Amino acid sequence: MKKVQTGDPLAIPARTYNAFIDAAVRSSFDSGVTRSQAVAGAKTATILVRNDSGYAMPRYAVVGLEGPLITPDDNLAEFGRQAAMSVVLPDEQSHRVRFVVLAEPLAQGSIGRAYLSGVCQANLMVIDPVAETYRYAGIAQGVFALLPQPVGSATIIWKQPGTGFKKALVHLTGQQQPACPMPVELTQVGGTQGDETGPATWTYDVIDPVTGATLASAVDPMSSPHRWRRPALGQVIAADFGYAHYAPNLAYGYDLVLGWINETLDTQACGS
């Protein structure tokens, strides 16, 4: 790697020439990325992908991972040198945790970089106001955007407000998040308190205490899929707090499930 002056004879060893080639390849991959962007994305893992979706894909598109472009049977040395995979439009079943976000626009059949894990920008499809309250995201069938969900393998760090196609910052984990219980506020909107001949029948609006959004309206916590159970008799004081979680349903969506609420029996001390 010794420098030369104008007019000096030039003899380049093979190792030095190969180093120049490797540097040029790295430069082509990093074109358009500033030093500050490179430092900010140092914790983000990327992978080379080929767009086999049949469509030209924009930057931040979400695509499903298929097989490697070169298998060990094709060329073991090249397979071991670097990972490069085919990507297609997402499929809800086979790509649930096997997807990437394109770091650059890709024409059909072209190769470029994609985010595999870490924090990155992504396209988000927010279908309704309820979806705005979800804190996770997953793939949508045949759509090159993430869909906000109550559980998913991407965490929404920030998103543009409103519904429709939005830009977002997400954390890709590659693992489906568990359906963890979350605190909810309850506003009693119907029903009765119960008495010595029958049970209470309170119903509630379920509120997200962080955003103030209504997650569900006029919920009967005794009906399916909810898991709350009341005494068969007696007056019950209405709840104002509880814990809920989201459970997948047969329509490939999610149901809000109330697991515990702070209803209590209205009791009095016995007379002497």
Protein backbone atom coordinates (compact mmCIF):
# COMPACT_ATOMS: atom_id res chain seq x y z
CA MET A 1 0.00 0.00 0.00
CA LYS A 2 2.93 2.37 -0.71
CA LYS A 3 2.13 5.67 -2.51
CA VAL A 4 3.97 6.60 -5.76
CA GLN A 5 4.92 9.87 -7.48
CA THR A 6 4.10 10.96 -11.04
CA GLY A 7 6.48 9.19 -13.44
CA ASP A 8 7.38 6.36 -11.05
CA PRO A 9 7.02 2.83 -12.41
CA LEU A 10 3.78 1.26 -11.16
CA ALA A 11 3.76 -2.37 -10.01
CA ILE A 12 0.65 -3.34 -8.04
CA PRO A 13 0.78 -6.57 -5.99
CA ALA A 14 -2.29 -8.76 -6.27
CA ARG A 15 -3.19 -8.26 -2.59
CA THR A 16 -3.11 -4.47 -2.96
CA TYR A 17 -5.20 -4.55 -6.15
CA ASN A 18 -7.79 -6.78 -4.45
CA ALA A 19 -7.96 -4.30 -1.54
CA PHE A 20 -8.75 -1.51 -4.03
CA ILE A 21 -11.56 -3.61 -5.52
CA ASP A 22 -13.04 -4.40 -2.10
CA ALA A 23 -12.97 -0.70 -1.17
CA ALA A 24 -14.74 0.23 -4.43
CA VAL A 25 -17.46 -2.36 -3.79
CA ARG A 26 -18.02 -1.05 -0.26
CA SER A 27 -18.19 2.50 -1.60
CA SER A 28 -20.86 1.56 -4.15
CA PHE A 29 -22.97 -0.01 -1.41
CA ASP A 30 -22.59 3.09 0.78
CA SER A 31 -23.34 5.67 -1.94
CA GLY A 32 -25.75 8.34 -0.75
CA VAL A 33 -25.18 7.50 2.93
CA THR A 34 -23.57 10.28 4.93
CA ARG A 35 -21.11 9.68 7.74
CA SER A 36 -23.71 10.70 10.34
CA GLN A 37 -26.23 8.24 8.82
CA ALA A 38 -23.66 5.46 8.92
CA VAL A 39 -22.92 6.12 12.59
CA ALA A 40 -26.64 6.37 13.45
CA GLY A 41 -27.34 3.04 11.73
CA ALA A 42 -24.33 1.21 13.15
CA LYS A 43 -26.59 -1.06 15.22
CA THR A 44 -28.83 -1.90 12.25
CA ALA A 45 -28.07 -5.15 10.40
CA THR A 46 -28.48 -5.16 6.62
CA ILE A 47 -28.49 -7.90 4.00
CA LEU A 48 -28.21 -8.00 0.20
CA VAL A 49 -31.50 -8.90 -1.50
CA ARG A 50 -32.78 -9.36 -5.05
CA ASN A 51 -36.24 -8.06 -5.88
CA ASP A 52 -38.20 -11.02 -7.25
CA SER A 53 -41.64 -9.58 -6.44
CA GLY A 54 -42.52 -8.75 -10.05
CA TYR A 55 -42.80 -5.05 -9.20
CA ALA A 56 -40.47 -2.09 -8.82
CA MET A 57 -40.22 -1.46 -5.06
CA PRO A 58 -39.72 1.93 -3.36
CA ARG A 59 -37.35 2.64 -0.51
CA TYR A 60 -38.73 1.49 2.88
CA ALA A 61 -40.93 -1.16 1.23
CA VAL A 62 -41.55 -4.28 3.32
CA VAL A 63 -40.82 -7.57 1.55
CA GLY A 64 -40.76 -11.24 2.53
CA LEU A 65 -37.55 -13.27 2.60
CA GLU A 66 -37.35 -16.35 0.37
CA GLY A 67 -34.27 -18.54 -0.26
CA PRO A 68 -30.61 -17.57 -0.77
CA LEU A 69 -29.50 -16.47 -4.21
CA ILE A 70 -26.59 -18.92 -4.07
CA THR A 71 -27.00 -22.16 -2.14
CA PRO A 72 -24.16 -24.33 -0.72
CA ASP A 73 -24.86 -26.81 -3.53
CA ASP A 74 -24.35 -24.06 -6.12
CA ASN A 75 -21.09 -22.65 -4.73
CA LEU A 76 -20.08 -23.34 -1.13
CA ALA A 77 -17.33 -20.69 -1.09
CA GLU A 78 -19.64 -17.94 -2.41
CA PHE A 79 -22.43 -19.03 -0.04
CA GLY A 80 -20.04 -18.58 2.88
CA ARG A 81 -18.68 -15.24 1.67
CA GLN A 82 -21.87 -13.20 2.12
CA ALA A 83 -25.62 -13.61 2.58
CA ALA A 84 -27.84 -12.57 -0.32
CA MET A 85 -31.50 -13.58 -0.55
CA SER A 86 -34.52 -13.35 -2.82
CA VAL A 87 -37.44 -11.17 -1.66
CA VAL A 88 -41.10 -11.17 -2.73
CA LEU A 89 -44.41 -9.60 -1.67
CA PRO A 90 -45.18 -10.60 1.95
CA ASP A 91 -47.29 -13.65 2.77
CA GLU A 92 -48.96 -13.57 6.20
CA GLN A 93 -48.17 -17.20 6.97
CA SER A 94 -44.68 -17.86 5.61
CA HIS A 95 -43.20 -14.39 6.21
CA ARG A 96 -44.65 -13.54 9.65
CA VAL A 97 -41.17 -13.03 11.14
CA ARG A 98 -39.16 -13.44 7.90
CA PHE A 99 -39.28 -9.99 6.31
CA VAL A 100 -36.94 -7.06 5.63
CA VAL A 101 -37.31 -3.34 4.86
CA LEU A 102 -35.62 -2.06 1.70
CA ALA A 103 -32.90 0.52 2.37
CA GLU A 104 -33.07 1.72 -1.25
CA PRO A 105 -35.50 1.50 -4.18
CA LEU A 106 -35.17 -1.70 -6.21
CA ALA A 107 -36.32 -2.40 -9.75
CA GLN A 108 -37.59 -5.89 -10.50
CA GLY A 109 -34.62 -8.27 -10.64
CA SER A 110 -32.11 -5.80 -9.18
CA ILE A 111 -29.99 -6.28 -6.05
CA GLY A 112 -29.62 -3.86 -3.14
CA ARG A 113 -29.51 -3.51 0.63
CA ALA A 114 -32.33 -4.17 3.09
CA TYR A 115 -32.69 -3.76 6.85
CA LEU A 116 -32.84 -7.11 8.64
CA SER A 117 -32.85 -6.01 12.30
CA GLY A 118 -32.49 -2.90 14.44
CA VAL A 119 -34.01 0.56 14.11
CA CYS A 120 -34.95 1.73 10.62
CA GLN A 121 -37.53 3.68 8.62
CA ALA A 122 -40.46 1.76 7.11
CA ASN A 123 -43.75 2.19 5.27
CA LEU A 124 -46.78 1.74 7.54
CA MET A 125 -50.42 1.14 6.49
CA VAL A 126 -52.80 2.45 9.19
CA ILE A 127 -56.26 1.17 8.26
CA ASP A 128 -58.40 2.93 10.90
CA PRO A 129 -58.20 5.07 14.08
CA VAL A 130 -58.05 1.95 16.28
CA ALA A 131 -54.88 0.84 14.46
CA GLU A 132 -53.28 4.15 15.47
CA THR A 133 -53.29 2.93 19.09
CA TYR A 134 -51.30 -0.25 18.37
CA ARG A 135 -47.66 -0.24 19.44
CA TYR A 136 -46.41 -3.12 17.28
CA ALA A 137 -46.52 -3.96 13.58
CA GLY A 138 -46.39 -6.99 11.32
CA ILE A 139 -46.72 -7.81 7.63
CA ALA A 140 -49.89 -7.41 5.59
CA GLN A 141 -50.84 -9.96 2.92
CA GLY A 142 -49.46 -8.87 -0.46
CA VAL A 143 -48.79 -5.29 0.71
CA PHE A 144 -45.31 -3.70 0.84
CA ALA A 145 -46.04 -1.91 4.14
CA LEU A 146 -46.20 -2.94 7.78
CA LEU A 147 -49.63 -3.15 9.43
CA PRO A 148 -49.99 -1.80 13.00
CA GLN A 149 -51.05 -4.66 15.28
CA PRO A 150 -51.49 -5.29 19.02
CA VAL A 151 -48.68 -7.85 18.76
CA GLY A 152 -45.98 -8.21 16.10
CA SER A 153 -42.29 -8.63 15.36
CA ALA A 154 -41.66 -4.88 14.90
CA THR A 155 -42.05 -2.18 17.55
CA ILE A 156 -43.39 1.18 16.36
CA ILE A 157 -41.10 3.85 17.82
CA TRP A 158 -42.72 6.77 15.96
CA LYS A 159 -45.16 7.25 13.09
CA GLN A 160 -46.74 10.06 11.13
CA PRO A 161 -50.19 10.84 12.59
CA GLY A 162 -53.42 9.81 10.88
CA THR A 163 -54.58 6.88 8.78
CA GLY A 164 -53.48 5.63 5.36
CA PHE A 165 -49.92 5.03 4.16
CA LYS A 166 -47.48 6.62 6.62
CA LYS A 167 -43.75 6.72 7.27
CA ALA A 168 -42.54 5.33 10.60
CA LEU A 169 -39.49 4.49 12.67
CA VAL A 170 -39.62 0.86 13.75
CA HIS A 171 -37.44 -1.61 15.65
CA LEU A 172 -37.14 -4.92 13.78
CA THR A 173 -36.59 -7.85 16.15
CA GLY A 174 -37.29 -10.95 14.05
CA GLN A 175 -39.35 -12.37 16.92
CA GLN A 176 -43.09 -12.24 17.47
CA GLN A 177 -43.90 -10.23 20.60
CA PRO A 178 -45.98 -12.11 23.20
CA ALA A 179 -49.53 -10.98 23.99
CA CYS A 180 -48.64 -9.29 27.29
CA PRO A 181 -51.34 -7.99 29.64
CA MET A 182 -51.70 -4.21 29.57
CA PRO A 183 -53.45 -1.79 31.93
CA VAL A 184 -56.76 -0.29 30.73
CA GLU A 185 -59.18 2.26 32.11
CA LEU A 186 -62.90 1.40 32.22
CA THR A 187 -65.89 3.73 31.91
CA GLN A 188 -69.22 2.16 32.94
CA VAL A 189 -71.78 2.84 30.18
CA GLY A 190 -74.63 0.39 30.82
CA GLY A 191 -76.02 -2.48 32.88
CA THR A 192 -77.15 -2.82 36.47
CA GLN A 193 -75.46 -3.40 39.81
CA GLY A 194 -77.21 -6.72 40.62
CA ASP A 195 -79.15 -7.65 43.75
CA GLU A 196 -80.10 -10.57 46.01
CA THR A 197 -81.87 -12.34 43.12
CA GLY A 198 -79.49 -11.84 40.19
CA PRO A 199 -75.95 -10.90 39.07
CA ALA A 200 -74.64 -7.50 37.98
CA THR A 201 -74.65 -6.70 34.26
CA TRP A 202 -72.27 -3.72 34.01
CA THR A 203 -70.83 -2.89 30.57
CA TYR A 204 -67.81 -0.69 29.86
CA ASP A 205 -65.92 1.37 27.33
CA VAL A 206 -62.26 0.26 27.43
CA ILE A 207 -59.73 3.12 27.28
CA ASP A 208 -55.98 3.13 26.62
CA PRO A 209 -54.57 5.10 29.60
CA VAL A 210 -51.53 6.24 27.59
CA THR A 211 -53.26 7.67 24.50
CA GLY A 212 -56.82 8.11 25.79
CA ALA A 213 -58.12 6.17 22.76
CA THR A 214 -61.20 3.96 23.08
CA LEU A 215 -60.10 0.37 22.45
CA ALA A 216 -63.60 -1.14 22.66
CA SER A 217 -67.12 0.13 23.37
CA ALA A 218 -69.99 -1.24 25.50
CA VAL A 219 -68.02 -4.37 26.44
CA ASP A 220 -69.69 -7.07 28.52
CA PRO A 221 -66.71 -8.56 30.42
CA MET A 222 -68.70 -11.77 31.05
CA SER A 223 -69.15 -12.54 27.33
CA SER A 224 -66.69 -14.35 25.05
CA PRO A 225 -63.78 -13.82 24.49
CA HIS A 226 -63.48 -12.01 27.86
CA ARG A 227 -62.49 -13.97 30.96
CA TRP A 228 -64.03 -12.06 33.87
CA ARG A 229 -66.44 -13.90 36.23
CA ARG A 230 -68.91 -12.29 38.67
CA PRO A 231 -70.74 -13.66 41.71
CA ALA A 232 -74.14 -15.14 40.88
CA LEU A 233 -75.89 -12.83 43.36
CA GLY A 234 -75.33 -9.50 45.07
CA GLN A 235 -74.69 -5.85 44.33
CA VAL A 236 -71.40 -5.12 42.52
CA ILE A 237 -69.55 -1.78 42.48
CA ALA A 238 -68.62 -0.89 38.87
CA ALA A 239 -64.96 -1.11 37.82
CA ASP A 240 -62.75 1.75 36.62
CA PHE A 241 -59.52 -0.21 35.94
CA GLY A 242 -58.41 -3.58 34.61
CA TYR A 243 -55.88 -5.63 32.64
CA ALA A 244 -56.42 -6.80 29.07
CA HIS A 245 -54.52 -8.52 26.30
CA TYR A 246 -55.00 -9.19 22.59
CA ALA A 247 -55.65 -12.73 21.35
CA PRO A 248 -55.59 -13.90 17.70
CA ASN A 249 -58.94 -14.93 16.22
CA LEU A 250 -59.96 -17.23 13.36
CA ALA A 251 -60.16 -14.28 10.95
CA TYR A 252 -56.38 -13.70 11.30
CA GLY A 253 -57.13 -10.60 13.36
CA TYR A 254 -57.01 -9.88 17.09
CA ASP A 255 -59.65 -9.62 19.82
CA LEU A 256 -59.31 -7.46 22.92
CA VAL A 257 -59.76 -9.71 25.97
CA LEU A 258 -60.49 -8.38 29.47
CA GLY A 259 -58.81 -10.73 31.93
CA TRP A 260 -59.26 -8.87 35.24
CA ILE A 261 -61.23 -5.77 36.30
CA ASN A 262 -61.57 -4.17 39.72
CA GLU A 263 -65.27 -4.80 40.30
CA THR A 264 -66.04 -5.51 43.98
CA LEU A 265 -69.04 -6.77 45.92
CA ASP A 266 -70.86 -3.98 47.74
CA THR A 267 -70.81 -5.30 51.32
CA GLN A 268 -71.87 -3.93 54.67
CA ALA A 269 -71.15 -4.93 58.24
CA CYS A 270 -73.84 -7.10 59.85
CA GLY A 271 -75.93 -5.49 62.59
CA SER A 272 -75.27 -6.53 66.17
